[in-house]
């Protein structure tokens, strides 16, 4: 039996992760230029799980108000912003449907923790260098690894076998093995899924090349290449967040710093970005109910920083 993936066939069979029903309608509403906040609030209220998470997020933004928010209203949507609503909807839609699955060697919990960490890192980096809206970069970071979940969903047995076979191999070997077996790898499948959700091509290309920025072919100083590099840096920050212990945190941080000023960000500023990303990771982890951890203080090598 061939394991080759026919994207349209999988899409028709609903075999790939995707928002559906009222949540898909809400995401489409959020993309409209002149979205009706009243209609948006009405749609959210029709989904009790989603409404609860939106209310939880709103109360985090509303800490100085003595009266807690208890329902989703237009004022609540203004408080947290339509972009944040879209992020929650996308995260909740995928998380609640794909917390577990048939792919035995795929860690669903770890996947979501890392995806949210990368989303928060991309958001923090975007706030620092301002080459794209922070909400869009959050979404890109969240979706950058979605092709792995797609492979685990569409080909659970075959993908589980690859995860075992290439567990100790360089990442590029796993990517090549995916392509040979499925016709897609986790990056190209992520882009196909993002295209299907009408994510702009600019961000799809950033996801496609973020694991190997040098292979993109984009001009070094172009906005497109900077987006690729931003996601690459965000992935490395997510690895720091997911490190198994504090020693590995410091090792990964030192390696990131040694690779040169990422996106023109000096080491001290990079430490601030990682700190902000870790705080956001904890917040979003609470909202989306994924596991996070507190990072130790990062040790800045002042001698290197002054070079």
Protein backbone atom coordinates (compact mmCIF):
# COMPACT_ATOMS: atom_id res chain seq x y z
CA UNK A 1 0.00 0.00 0.00
CA UNK A 2 1.35 3.40 -1.02
CA UNK A 3 1.84 5.96 1.73
CA UNK A 4 1.94 8.87 -0.76
CA UNK A 5 -0.29 11.74 0.31
CA UNK A 6 -2.99 13.24 -1.93
CA UNK A 7 -3.75 16.53 -0.18
CA UNK A 8 -7.16 17.06 -1.78
CA UNK A 9 -8.19 13.52 -0.95
CA UNK A 10 -7.17 13.94 2.70
CA UNK A 11 -8.91 17.30 2.88
CA UNK A 12 -12.14 15.83 1.47
CA UNK A 13 -11.94 13.00 4.01
CA UNK A 14 -11.30 15.50 6.87
CA UNK A 15 -8.15 13.53 7.69
CA UNK A 16 -6.01 16.60 8.35
CA UNK A 17 -6.08 18.95 11.36
CA UNK A 18 -8.31 21.93 10.60
CA UNK A 19 -10.75 24.27 12.35
CA UNK A 20 -14.35 23.30 11.56
CA UNK A 21 -17.91 24.44 12.10
CA UNK A 22 -18.51 27.54 14.17
CA UNK A 23 -14.79 27.96 14.91
CA UNK A 24 -13.96 28.08 11.21
CA UNK A 25 -16.72 30.68 10.78
CA UNK A 26 -15.21 32.74 13.62
CA UNK A 27 -11.75 32.61 12.03
CA UNK A 28 -13.21 33.81 8.74
CA UNK A 29 -15.04 36.64 10.53
CA UNK A 30 -11.77 37.69 12.20
CA UNK A 31 -10.13 38.00 8.76
CA UNK A 32 -12.76 40.45 7.51
CA UNK A 33 -11.70 44.08 7.27
CA UNK A 34 -14.90 45.47 8.83
CA UNK A 35 -15.81 42.60 11.11
CA UNK A 36 -19.05 42.97 13.06
CA UNK A 37 -18.06 42.66 16.72
CA UNK A 38 -21.67 41.93 17.66
CA UNK A 39 -21.80 38.98 15.25
CA UNK A 40 -18.37 37.83 16.39
CA UNK A 41 -19.45 37.91 20.06
CA UNK A 42 -22.63 36.02 19.19
CA UNK A 43 -20.70 33.27 17.38
CA UNK A 44 -18.19 32.92 20.24
CA UNK A 45 -20.97 32.67 22.83
CA UNK A 46 -22.42 29.72 20.88
CA UNK A 47 -19.24 27.73 21.67
CA UNK A 48 -19.02 27.35 25.49
CA UNK A 49 -15.43 26.02 25.52
CA UNK A 50 -14.18 28.81 23.29
CA UNK A 51 -16.17 31.44 25.18
CA UNK A 52 -14.63 30.25 28.45
CA UNK A 53 -11.09 30.61 27.11
CA UNK A 54 -11.84 34.07 25.67
CA UNK A 55 -13.24 35.16 29.04
CA UNK A 56 -10.15 33.79 30.80
CA UNK A 57 -7.91 35.74 28.44
CA UNK A 58 -9.98 38.90 28.87
CA UNK A 59 -9.71 38.72 32.67
CA UNK A 60 -5.91 38.52 32.30
CA UNK A 61 -6.05 41.81 30.38
CA UNK A 62 -8.45 43.30 32.92
CA UNK A 63 -6.57 42.77 36.19
CA UNK A 64 -7.18 46.30 37.48
CA UNK A 65 -10.95 45.97 37.25
CA UNK A 66 -12.52 44.72 40.48
CA UNK A 67 -15.46 43.15 38.64
CA UNK A 68 -14.43 40.01 36.71
CA UNK A 69 -15.61 39.58 33.14
CA UNK A 70 -18.27 36.89 32.88
CA UNK A 71 -19.41 36.96 29.25
CA UNK A 72 -18.15 37.73 25.76
CA UNK A 73 -19.30 41.20 24.68
CA UNK A 74 -18.17 43.73 22.07
CA UNK A 75 -16.29 45.55 24.86
CA UNK A 76 -14.42 42.35 25.68
CA UNK A 77 -13.45 41.88 22.02
CA UNK A 78 -12.17 45.46 21.88
CA UNK A 79 -10.19 44.85 25.08
CA UNK A 80 -8.30 41.79 23.82
CA UNK A 81 -8.36 42.56 20.08
CA UNK A 82 -9.68 40.59 17.11
CA UNK A 83 -6.19 39.27 16.31
CA UNK A 84 -5.96 37.65 19.76
CA UNK A 85 -9.42 36.14 19.28
CA UNK A 86 -8.25 34.56 16.02
CA UNK A 87 -5.17 33.15 17.77
CA UNK A 88 -7.28 31.58 20.52
CA UNK A 89 -9.78 30.16 18.04
CA UNK A 90 -7.06 28.56 15.95
CA UNK A 91 -5.23 27.22 18.99
CA UNK A 92 -8.36 25.88 20.67
CA UNK A 93 -9.70 24.35 17.45
CA UNK A 94 -6.56 22.35 16.83
CA UNK A 95 -5.67 21.63 20.46
CA UNK A 96 -9.04 20.30 21.56
CA UNK A 97 -9.30 17.98 18.55
CA UNK A 98 -5.71 16.73 18.51
CA UNK A 99 -4.51 16.27 22.09
CA UNK A 100 -4.00 12.60 21.32
CA UNK A 101 -4.11 10.30 18.35
CA UNK A 102 -3.14 7.03 16.72
CA UNK A 103 0.52 7.88 16.05
CA UNK A 104 2.18 5.95 18.88
CA UNK A 105 5.61 7.61 18.82
CA UNK A 106 4.34 11.14 18.37
CA UNK A 107 4.18 13.15 21.61
CA UNK A 108 1.07 15.26 21.20
CA UNK A 109 1.55 17.09 24.52
CA UNK A 110 5.17 17.96 23.71
CA UNK A 111 4.20 19.05 20.20
CA UNK A 112 1.66 21.56 21.52
CA UNK A 113 3.95 22.88 24.26
CA UNK A 114 6.67 23.50 21.68
CA UNK A 115 4.25 25.02 19.16
CA UNK A 116 2.92 27.52 21.71
CA UNK A 117 6.49 28.32 22.82
CA UNK A 118 7.47 29.02 19.20
CA UNK A 119 4.37 31.16 18.72
CA UNK A 120 5.28 33.26 21.76
CA UNK A 121 8.91 33.53 20.64
CA UNK A 122 7.88 34.67 17.15
CA UNK A 123 5.54 37.21 18.71
CA UNK A 124 8.25 38.56 21.04
CA UNK A 125 10.77 38.81 18.18
CA UNK A 126 8.22 40.58 15.97
CA UNK A 127 7.60 43.08 18.74
CA UNK A 128 11.33 43.77 18.84
CA UNK A 129 12.22 44.10 15.16
CA UNK A 130 8.81 45.05 13.70
CA UNK A 131 8.88 43.46 10.25
CA UNK A 132 5.40 41.92 10.55
CA UNK A 133 2.35 42.24 12.83
CA UNK A 134 2.93 40.41 16.11
CA UNK A 135 -0.42 38.59 15.85
CA UNK A 136 0.49 37.23 12.42
CA UNK A 137 3.86 36.05 13.68
CA UNK A 138 2.21 34.34 16.65
CA UNK A 139 0.04 32.44 14.19
CA UNK A 140 3.05 31.57 12.01
CA UNK A 141 4.97 30.28 15.01
CA UNK A 142 1.99 28.22 16.13
CA UNK A 143 1.58 26.68 12.67
CA UNK A 144 5.25 26.23 11.75
CA UNK A 145 5.22 22.62 12.94
CA UNK A 146 1.62 21.78 12.02
CA UNK A 147 2.81 19.52 9.19
CA UNK A 148 4.14 17.09 11.80
CA UNK A 149 0.67 16.85 13.31
CA UNK A 150 -0.68 16.46 9.78
CA UNK A 151 1.59 13.49 9.09
CA UNK A 152 0.74 11.95 12.48
CA UNK A 153 -2.97 12.31 11.63
CA UNK A 154 -2.89 11.23 7.99
CA UNK A 155 -0.29 8.42 8.21
CA UNK A 156 -0.06 7.47 11.89
CA UNK A 157 1.57 4.04 11.52
CA UNK A 158 4.09 4.99 8.84
CA UNK A 159 5.02 8.26 10.55
CA UNK A 160 5.40 6.51 13.88
CA UNK A 161 7.87 4.18 12.21
CA UNK A 162 9.89 7.08 10.82
CA UNK A 163 10.00 8.74 14.25
CA UNK A 164 11.60 5.58 15.65
CA UNK A 165 13.94 4.99 12.73
CA UNK A 166 15.27 8.56 12.64
CA UNK A 167 15.09 9.39 16.34
CA UNK A 168 18.85 9.98 16.57
CA UNK A 169 19.41 11.29 13.03
CA UNK A 170 19.96 14.90 11.93
CA UNK A 171 16.63 16.69 11.29
CA UNK A 172 17.32 17.07 7.56
CA UNK A 173 17.52 13.28 7.18
CA UNK A 174 14.08 12.90 8.75
CA UNK A 175 12.72 15.59 6.43
CA UNK A 176 14.13 13.81 3.38
CA UNK A 177 12.71 10.47 4.58
CA UNK A 178 9.26 12.08 4.95
CA UNK A 179 9.43 13.38 1.37
CA UNK A 180 10.44 10.01 -0.03
CA UNK A 181 7.72 8.09 1.83
CA UNK A 182 4.80 10.55 1.72
CA UNK A 183 5.56 12.89 -1.19
CA UNK A 184 5.28 15.67 1.40
CA UNK A 185 7.50 16.51 4.35
CA UNK A 186 6.33 18.28 7.50
CA UNK A 187 7.25 21.68 6.01
CA UNK A 188 5.58 21.30 2.62
CA UNK A 189 2.49 19.80 4.26
CA UNK A 190 2.34 22.71 6.73
CA UNK A 191 2.40 25.14 3.80
CA UNK A 192 -0.35 23.21 1.98
CA UNK A 193 -2.51 23.39 5.11
CA UNK A 194 -1.77 27.09 5.64
CA UNK A 195 -2.63 27.84 2.01
CA UNK A 196 -5.92 26.06 2.54
CA UNK A 197 -6.61 28.34 5.53
CA UNK A 198 -5.84 31.43 3.40
CA UNK A 199 -2.66 32.35 5.28
CA UNK A 200 -0.75 34.87 3.09
CA UNK A 201 2.03 33.40 0.94
CA UNK A 202 4.61 35.65 2.60
CA UNK A 203 4.14 33.72 5.85
CA UNK A 204 3.78 30.33 4.18
CA UNK A 205 7.20 30.79 2.55
CA UNK A 206 8.69 31.80 5.90
CA UNK A 207 7.47 28.51 7.38
CA UNK A 208 8.70 26.51 4.39
CA UNK A 209 12.31 27.68 4.73
CA UNK A 210 12.65 28.45 8.43
CA UNK A 211 14.57 25.26 9.23
CA UNK A 212 17.19 26.03 6.56
CA UNK A 213 17.21 29.80 5.92
CA UNK A 214 20.25 29.56 3.66
CA UNK A 215 18.25 27.46 1.18
CA UNK A 216 15.48 30.00 0.66
CA UNK A 217 17.05 31.87 -2.26
CA UNK A 218 15.64 35.15 -0.92
CA UNK A 219 17.84 38.26 -0.93
CA UNK A 220 19.76 38.55 2.34
CA UNK A 221 18.26 41.90 3.36
CA UNK A 222 14.76 41.30 2.01
CA UNK A 223 11.75 41.34 4.26
CA UNK A 224 10.97 37.78 3.21
CA UNK A 225 14.39 36.49 4.29
CA UNK A 226 14.13 38.35 7.59
CA UNK A 227 10.81 36.61 8.23
CA UNK A 228 12.48 33.27 7.52
CA UNK A 229 15.29 34.14 9.95
CA UNK A 230 12.78 35.33 12.55
CA UNK A 231 11.01 31.97 12.51
CA UNK A 232 14.34 30.17 12.62
CA UNK A 233 15.30 32.16 15.72
CA UNK A 234 11.84 31.56 17.22
CA UNK A 235 12.28 27.80 16.75
CA UNK A 236 15.60 27.92 18.58
CA UNK A 237 14.06 29.94 21.41
CA UNK A 238 11.28 27.33 21.61
CA UNK A 239 13.98 24.66 21.97
CA UNK A 240 15.38 26.67 24.90
CA UNK A 241 11.92 26.79 26.49
CA UNK A 242 11.51 23.03 26.02
CA UNK A 243 15.00 22.09 27.27
CA UNK A 244 15.01 19.15 29.67
CA UNK A 245 17.00 20.96 32.40
CA UNK A 246 18.71 24.26 33.22
CA UNK A 247 22.10 23.05 31.95
CA UNK A 248 20.62 22.39 28.52
CA UNK A 249 18.91 25.79 28.61
CA UNK A 250 22.27 27.51 29.06
CA UNK A 251 23.89 25.33 26.38
CA UNK A 252 21.20 26.12 23.79
CA UNK A 253 21.25 29.81 24.71
CA UNK A 254 25.04 29.96 24.34
CA UNK A 255 24.78 28.27 20.93
CA UNK A 256 22.15 30.78 19.79
CA UNK A 257 24.31 33.70 20.94
CA UNK A 258 27.42 32.22 19.31
CA UNK A 259 25.69 32.12 15.93
CA UNK A 260 25.91 35.92 15.77
CA UNK A 261 23.44 38.75 16.42
CA UNK A 262 20.12 37.22 15.33
CA UNK A 263 18.23 39.67 13.11
CA UNK A 264 20.49 42.43 14.39
CA UNK A 265 19.47 41.75 17.99
CA UNK A 266 22.38 41.96 20.43
CA UNK A 267 22.79 39.41 23.19
CA UNK A 268 21.36 41.46 26.04
CA UNK A 269 18.27 42.35 23.99
CA UNK A 270 17.94 38.72 22.93
CA UNK A 271 17.87 37.67 26.58
CA UNK A 272 15.01 40.13 27.12
CA UNK A 273 13.15 38.69 24.13
CA UNK A 274 13.53 35.15 25.48
CA UNK A 275 12.36 36.28 28.91
CA UNK A 276 9.26 37.92 27.39
CA UNK A 277 8.58 34.85 25.28
CA UNK A 278 8.75 32.62 28.36
CA UNK A 279 6.29 34.86 30.23
CA UNK A 280 3.89 34.83 27.27
CA UNK A 281 4.35 31.06 26.98
CA UNK A 282 3.20 30.66 30.58
CA UNK A 283 0.17 32.91 29.95
CA UNK A 284 -0.89 31.20 26.74
CA UNK A 285 -0.16 27.82 28.26
CA UNK A 286 -2.73 28.62 30.90
CA UNK A 287 -5.28 29.82 28.34
CA UNK A 288 -4.73 26.91 25.94
CA UNK A 289 -4.01 24.37 28.71
CA UNK A 290 -0.59 23.21 27.56
CA UNK A 291 2.37 22.44 29.80
CA UNK A 292 5.06 25.12 30.25
CA UNK A 293 8.07 25.58 32.52
CA UNK A 294 9.83 28.53 34.14
CA UNK A 295 13.21 29.32 32.60
CA UNK A 296 16.25 30.01 34.79
CA UNK A 297 17.97 33.42 34.49
CA UNK A 298 20.00 33.41 31.27
CA UNK A 299 23.72 33.95 31.71
CA UNK A 300 24.94 36.68 29.39
CA UNK A 301 28.60 36.49 28.45
CA UNK A 302 29.40 40.20 28.71
CA UNK A 303 32.74 39.74 27.01
CA UNK A 304 31.06 38.26 23.94
CA UNK A 305 28.32 40.86 24.03
CA UNK A 306 30.81 43.69 23.73
CA UNK A 307 32.56 42.31 20.68
